[in-house]
């Protein structure tokens, strides 16, 4: 796992871990990025199934409750089957765009 912090963004790149292991590690080190918007890059994985994405549900809800964005980047999953509580986009640029929109919404009080 590679953590890259830049301003109010933290990007996590998945390397050799399974998604379950990655989620456990993220929960263990959560204080390091709890005040940042979080982008989880899963682009290196060949396939991702819905059950693996759902592993991020608790972490996503907790992070959004603290008024920060949580976005997963992967083009390996059908976006139509992902629960509404988890944001998955196919590209890193789209992740930045989503976070920018969510920050504007928070600034406007939504």
N, C-alpha and C. Protein backbone atom coordinates (compact mmCIF):
# COMPACT_ATOMS: atom_id res chain seq x y z
N UNK A 1 0.85 -1.17 0.00
CA UNK A 1 0.00 0.00 0.00
C UNK A 1 0.89 1.23 0.00
N UNK A 2 0.57 2.16 -0.88
CA UNK A 2 1.32 3.40 -0.96
C UNK A 2 0.39 4.55 -0.63
N UNK A 3 0.76 5.36 0.37
CA UNK A 3 0.00 6.55 0.74
C UNK A 3 0.71 7.76 0.17
N UNK A 4 -0.04 8.61 -0.51
CA UNK A 4 0.50 9.84 -1.05
C UNK A 4 -0.38 10.98 -0.58
N UNK A 5 0.14 11.83 0.32
CA UNK A 5 -0.63 12.96 0.83
C UNK A 5 -0.20 14.22 0.11
N UNK A 6 -1.21 14.96 -0.38
CA UNK A 6 -0.96 16.19 -1.11
C UNK A 6 -2.07 17.17 -0.76
N UNK A 7 -1.74 18.17 0.07
CA UNK A 7 -2.76 19.12 0.49
C UNK A 7 -3.81 18.41 1.32
N UNK A 8 -5.08 18.55 0.91
CA UNK A 8 -6.16 17.91 1.66
C UNK A 8 -6.62 16.61 1.00
N UNK A 9 -5.73 16.01 0.19
CA UNK A 9 -6.00 14.74 -0.47
C UNK A 9 -5.02 13.68 0.02
N UNK A 10 -5.52 12.48 0.21
CA UNK A 10 -4.67 11.32 0.42
C UNK A 10 -5.06 10.29 -0.62
N UNK A 11 -4.08 9.83 -1.37
CA UNK A 11 -4.31 8.80 -2.38
C UNK A 11 -3.66 7.52 -1.90
N UNK A 12 -4.43 6.45 -1.92
CA UNK A 12 -3.95 5.13 -1.50
C UNK A 12 -3.90 4.25 -2.73
N UNK A 13 -2.72 3.70 -3.01
CA UNK A 13 -2.57 2.79 -4.14
C UNK A 13 -2.46 1.37 -3.61
N UNK A 14 -3.21 0.48 -4.20
CA UNK A 14 -3.22 -0.93 -3.82
C UNK A 14 -2.07 -1.62 -4.54
N UNK A 15 -1.31 -2.41 -3.81
CA UNK A 15 -0.21 -3.14 -4.43
C UNK A 15 -0.42 -4.64 -4.30
N UNK A 16 0.01 -5.20 -3.20
CA UNK A 16 0.03 -6.66 -3.05
C UNK A 16 -1.05 -7.20 -2.12
N UNK A 17 -1.90 -6.35 -1.61
CA UNK A 17 -2.90 -6.78 -0.65
C UNK A 17 -4.19 -7.18 -1.35
N UNK A 18 -4.93 -8.05 -0.69
CA UNK A 18 -6.31 -8.27 -1.13
C UNK A 18 -7.11 -7.06 -0.66
N UNK A 19 -8.30 -6.93 -1.16
CA UNK A 19 -9.12 -5.79 -0.75
C UNK A 19 -9.45 -5.87 0.73
N UNK A 20 -9.72 -7.05 1.24
CA UNK A 20 -10.01 -7.20 2.67
C UNK A 20 -8.81 -6.74 3.50
N UNK A 21 -7.61 -7.14 3.11
CA UNK A 21 -6.40 -6.71 3.83
C UNK A 21 -6.20 -5.20 3.72
N UNK A 22 -6.48 -4.64 2.54
CA UNK A 22 -6.34 -3.21 2.33
C UNK A 22 -7.29 -2.44 3.24
N UNK A 23 -8.53 -2.86 3.32
CA UNK A 23 -9.51 -2.19 4.18
C UNK A 23 -9.07 -2.26 5.64
N UNK A 24 -8.59 -3.41 6.09
CA UNK A 24 -8.11 -3.54 7.47
C UNK A 24 -6.94 -2.60 7.75
N UNK A 25 -6.01 -2.51 6.80
CA UNK A 25 -4.87 -1.60 6.97
C UNK A 25 -5.33 -0.15 7.01
N UNK A 26 -6.27 0.22 6.13
CA UNK A 26 -6.78 1.59 6.12
C UNK A 26 -7.46 1.92 7.44
N UNK A 27 -8.23 0.99 7.97
CA UNK A 27 -8.88 1.22 9.26
C UNK A 27 -7.85 1.38 10.38
N UNK A 28 -6.77 0.63 10.30
CA UNK A 28 -5.72 0.70 11.33
C UNK A 28 -4.97 2.02 11.31
N UNK A 29 -4.79 2.58 10.11
CA UNK A 29 -4.03 3.84 10.00
C UNK A 29 -4.94 5.04 9.74
N UNK A 30 -6.22 4.88 9.99
CA UNK A 30 -7.20 5.93 9.70
C UNK A 30 -6.81 7.31 10.26
N UNK A 31 -6.27 7.42 11.47
CA UNK A 31 -5.91 8.75 11.98
C UNK A 31 -4.96 9.54 11.08
N UNK A 32 -4.16 8.86 10.26
CA UNK A 32 -3.22 9.56 9.38
C UNK A 32 -3.92 10.39 8.31
N UNK A 33 -5.11 9.97 7.89
CA UNK A 33 -5.78 10.67 6.80
C UNK A 33 -7.23 11.04 7.11
N UNK A 34 -7.61 11.00 8.37
CA UNK A 34 -9.00 11.25 8.72
C UNK A 34 -9.46 12.67 8.38
N UNK A 35 -8.55 13.60 8.23
CA UNK A 35 -8.92 14.97 7.89
C UNK A 35 -8.70 15.31 6.42
N UNK A 36 -8.46 14.31 5.60
CA UNK A 36 -8.23 14.50 4.17
C UNK A 36 -9.34 13.85 3.36
N UNK A 37 -9.48 14.28 2.13
CA UNK A 37 -10.31 13.56 1.18
C UNK A 37 -9.50 12.34 0.75
N UNK A 38 -10.17 11.20 0.62
CA UNK A 38 -9.46 9.95 0.37
C UNK A 38 -9.82 9.37 -0.99
N UNK A 39 -8.79 9.03 -1.75
CA UNK A 39 -8.95 8.36 -3.03
C UNK A 39 -8.23 7.02 -2.93
N UNK A 40 -8.96 5.93 -3.21
CA UNK A 40 -8.39 4.59 -3.17
C UNK A 40 -8.27 4.11 -4.61
N UNK A 41 -7.04 3.92 -5.07
CA UNK A 41 -6.79 3.47 -6.44
C UNK A 41 -6.74 1.95 -6.49
N UNK A 42 -7.70 1.37 -7.19
CA UNK A 42 -7.73 -0.08 -7.35
C UNK A 42 -7.52 -0.46 -8.81
N UNK A 43 -6.95 0.43 -9.56
CA UNK A 43 -6.76 0.23 -11.00
C UNK A 43 -5.84 -0.93 -11.33
N UNK A 44 -4.96 -1.29 -10.42
CA UNK A 44 -4.01 -2.36 -10.71
C UNK A 44 -4.63 -3.76 -10.60
N UNK A 45 -5.82 -3.84 -10.01
CA UNK A 45 -6.47 -5.14 -9.88
C UNK A 45 -7.11 -5.55 -11.20
N UNK A 46 -7.05 -6.84 -11.52
CA UNK A 46 -7.60 -7.33 -12.78
C UNK A 46 -9.12 -7.41 -12.75
N UNK A 47 -9.66 -7.84 -11.63
CA UNK A 47 -11.11 -7.91 -11.48
C UNK A 47 -11.50 -7.49 -10.07
N UNK A 48 -12.70 -6.97 -9.97
CA UNK A 48 -13.25 -6.59 -8.67
C UNK A 48 -14.72 -6.99 -8.68
N UNK A 49 -15.15 -7.67 -7.63
CA UNK A 49 -16.55 -8.05 -7.53
C UNK A 49 -17.23 -7.17 -6.49
N UNK A 50 -18.55 -7.15 -6.55
CA UNK A 50 -19.32 -6.29 -5.67
C UNK A 50 -19.00 -6.51 -4.19
N UNK A 51 -18.84 -7.76 -3.78
CA UNK A 51 -18.54 -8.04 -2.37
C UNK A 51 -17.25 -7.38 -1.92
N UNK A 52 -16.29 -7.24 -2.81
CA UNK A 52 -15.02 -6.58 -2.46
C UNK A 52 -15.24 -5.08 -2.29
N UNK A 53 -16.03 -4.48 -3.14
CA UNK A 53 -16.31 -3.05 -3.02
C UNK A 53 -17.07 -2.77 -1.73
N UNK A 54 -17.97 -3.66 -1.38
CA UNK A 54 -18.77 -3.48 -0.15
C UNK A 54 -17.89 -3.49 1.10
N UNK A 55 -16.72 -4.10 1.02
CA UNK A 55 -15.77 -4.07 2.14
C UNK A 55 -15.44 -2.63 2.56
N UNK A 56 -15.53 -1.69 1.63
CA UNK A 56 -15.21 -0.29 1.92
C UNK A 56 -16.39 0.48 2.51
N UNK A 57 -17.56 -0.12 2.60
CA UNK A 57 -18.77 0.59 2.99
C UNK A 57 -18.66 1.27 4.35
N UNK A 58 -18.23 0.56 5.36
CA UNK A 58 -18.12 1.14 6.70
C UNK A 58 -17.12 2.31 6.71
N UNK A 59 -15.98 2.12 6.10
CA UNK A 59 -14.97 3.16 6.04
C UNK A 59 -15.49 4.38 5.27
N UNK A 60 -16.19 4.15 4.18
CA UNK A 60 -16.75 5.24 3.39
C UNK A 60 -17.77 6.05 4.20
N UNK A 61 -18.68 5.36 4.88
CA UNK A 61 -19.68 6.06 5.69
C UNK A 61 -19.04 6.86 6.80
N UNK A 62 -18.06 6.28 7.47
CA UNK A 62 -17.37 6.97 8.56
C UNK A 62 -16.67 8.22 8.05
N UNK A 63 -16.01 8.10 6.91
CA UNK A 63 -15.26 9.23 6.36
C UNK A 63 -16.21 10.34 5.90
N UNK A 64 -17.30 9.98 5.27
CA UNK A 64 -18.27 10.98 4.82
C UNK A 64 -18.95 11.66 6.01
N UNK A 65 -19.15 10.93 7.09
CA UNK A 65 -19.76 11.52 8.29
C UNK A 65 -18.89 12.62 8.88
N UNK A 66 -17.59 12.52 8.63
CA UNK A 66 -16.66 13.55 9.13
C UNK A 66 -16.46 14.66 8.10
N UNK A 67 -17.36 14.72 7.11
CA UNK A 67 -17.37 15.78 6.09
C UNK A 67 -16.15 15.76 5.18
N UNK A 68 -15.75 14.55 4.78
CA UNK A 68 -14.66 14.38 3.82
C UNK A 68 -15.10 13.40 2.74
N UNK A 69 -14.51 13.50 1.59
CA UNK A 69 -14.88 12.64 0.46
C UNK A 69 -14.10 11.33 0.49
N UNK A 70 -14.75 10.29 -0.01
CA UNK A 70 -14.15 8.97 -0.13
C UNK A 70 -14.51 8.43 -1.51
N UNK A 71 -13.51 8.25 -2.37
CA UNK A 71 -13.75 7.84 -3.75
C UNK A 71 -12.83 6.67 -4.10
N UNK A 72 -13.40 5.66 -4.74
CA UNK A 72 -12.63 4.51 -5.22
C UNK A 72 -12.47 4.66 -6.73
N UNK A 73 -11.26 4.43 -7.22
CA UNK A 73 -10.99 4.51 -8.66
C UNK A 73 -10.75 3.09 -9.18
N UNK A 74 -11.65 2.68 -10.09
CA UNK A 74 -11.51 1.39 -10.75
C UNK A 74 -12.40 1.34 -11.98
N UNK A 75 -11.87 0.79 -13.03
CA UNK A 75 -12.67 0.59 -14.23
C UNK A 75 -12.99 -0.89 -14.41
N UNK A 76 -12.84 -1.66 -13.32
CA UNK A 76 -13.03 -3.11 -13.38
C UNK A 76 -14.35 -3.58 -12.76
N UNK A 77 -15.25 -2.66 -12.44
CA UNK A 77 -16.52 -3.06 -11.83
C UNK A 77 -17.66 -2.31 -12.51
N UNK A 78 -18.79 -2.97 -12.59
CA UNK A 78 -19.98 -2.36 -13.17
C UNK A 78 -20.50 -1.30 -12.18
N UNK A 79 -20.44 -0.06 -12.58
CA UNK A 79 -20.82 1.04 -11.70
C UNK A 79 -22.30 1.02 -11.35
N UNK A 80 -23.11 0.35 -12.14
CA UNK A 80 -24.55 0.29 -11.90
C UNK A 80 -24.92 -0.60 -10.71
N UNK A 81 -24.02 -1.46 -10.27
CA UNK A 81 -24.34 -2.37 -9.17
C UNK A 81 -23.73 -1.90 -7.83
N UNK A 82 -22.98 -0.83 -7.86
CA UNK A 82 -22.33 -0.32 -6.65
C UNK A 82 -23.36 0.42 -5.79
N UNK A 83 -23.41 0.16 -4.48
CA UNK A 83 -24.34 0.87 -3.60
C UNK A 83 -24.11 2.38 -3.64
N UNK A 84 -25.16 3.14 -3.42
CA UNK A 84 -25.08 4.60 -3.47
C UNK A 84 -24.15 5.19 -2.40
N UNK A 85 -23.92 4.44 -1.33
CA UNK A 85 -23.06 4.94 -0.25
C UNK A 85 -21.57 4.88 -0.59
N UNK A 86 -21.23 4.27 -1.70
CA UNK A 86 -19.83 4.17 -2.12
C UNK A 86 -19.70 4.80 -3.50
N UNK A 87 -18.74 5.69 -3.64
CA UNK A 87 -18.51 6.33 -4.94
C UNK A 87 -17.35 5.63 -5.64
N UNK A 88 -17.63 5.10 -6.83
CA UNK A 88 -16.61 4.46 -7.65
C UNK A 88 -16.61 5.15 -9.00
N UNK A 89 -15.44 5.57 -9.43
CA UNK A 89 -15.28 6.20 -10.74
C UNK A 89 -14.17 5.49 -11.50
N UNK A 90 -14.19 5.57 -12.85
CA UNK A 90 -13.19 4.83 -13.63
C UNK A 90 -11.82 5.50 -13.74
N UNK A 91 -11.72 6.81 -13.47
CA UNK A 91 -10.42 7.49 -13.64
C UNK A 91 -10.08 8.37 -12.44
N UNK A 92 -8.81 8.63 -12.28
CA UNK A 92 -8.35 9.50 -11.21
C UNK A 92 -8.88 10.92 -11.39
N UNK A 93 -8.91 11.41 -12.62
CA UNK A 93 -9.44 12.76 -12.86
C UNK A 93 -10.89 12.88 -12.40
N UNK A 94 -11.69 11.84 -12.65
CA UNK A 94 -13.08 11.86 -12.20
C UNK A 94 -13.16 11.86 -10.67
N UNK A 95 -12.23 11.21 -10.02
CA UNK A 95 -12.20 11.23 -8.56
C UNK A 95 -11.96 12.65 -8.06
N UNK A 96 -11.00 13.34 -8.66
CA UNK A 96 -10.75 14.74 -8.29
C UNK A 96 -11.97 15.61 -8.56
N UNK A 97 -12.65 15.38 -9.67
CA UNK A 97 -13.84 16.15 -10.01
C UNK A 97 -14.96 15.93 -9.00
N UNK A 98 -15.18 14.67 -8.61
CA UNK A 98 -16.20 14.35 -7.61
C UNK A 98 -15.89 15.05 -6.29
N UNK A 99 -14.64 14.98 -5.87
CA UNK A 99 -14.25 15.61 -4.60
C UNK A 99 -14.45 17.11 -4.68
N UNK A 100 -14.10 17.71 -5.79
CA UNK A 100 -14.29 19.15 -5.95
C UNK A 100 -15.78 19.52 -5.84
N UNK A 101 -16.64 18.73 -6.48
CA UNK A 101 -18.09 18.99 -6.40
C UNK A 101 -18.60 18.80 -4.97
N UNK A 102 -18.14 17.74 -4.29
CA UNK A 102 -18.58 17.51 -2.92
C UNK A 102 -18.10 18.62 -1.98
N UNK A 103 -16.91 19.14 -2.21
CA UNK A 103 -16.42 20.24 -1.38
C UNK A 103 -17.28 21.49 -1.59
N UNK A 104 -17.68 21.76 -2.83
CA UNK A 104 -18.56 22.89 -3.10
C UNK A 104 -19.90 22.70 -2.39
N UNK A 105 -20.45 21.49 -2.44
CA UNK A 105 -21.72 21.21 -1.77
C UNK A 105 -21.59 21.42 -0.26
N UNK A 106 -20.48 20.97 0.32
CA UNK A 106 -20.28 21.16 1.76
C UNK A 106 -20.16 22.64 2.08
N UNK A 107 -19.45 23.39 1.24
CA UNK A 107 -19.31 24.84 1.46
C UNK A 107 -20.66 25.54 1.40
N UNK A 108 -21.57 25.03 0.57
CA UNK A 108 -22.90 25.62 0.43
C UNK A 108 -23.89 25.11 1.47
N UNK A 109 -23.44 24.15 2.29
CA UNK A 109 -24.27 23.65 3.38
C UNK A 109 -25.14 22.47 3.03
N UNK A 110 -24.87 21.80 1.94
CA UNK A 110 -25.66 20.62 1.57
C UNK A 110 -25.11 19.38 2.21
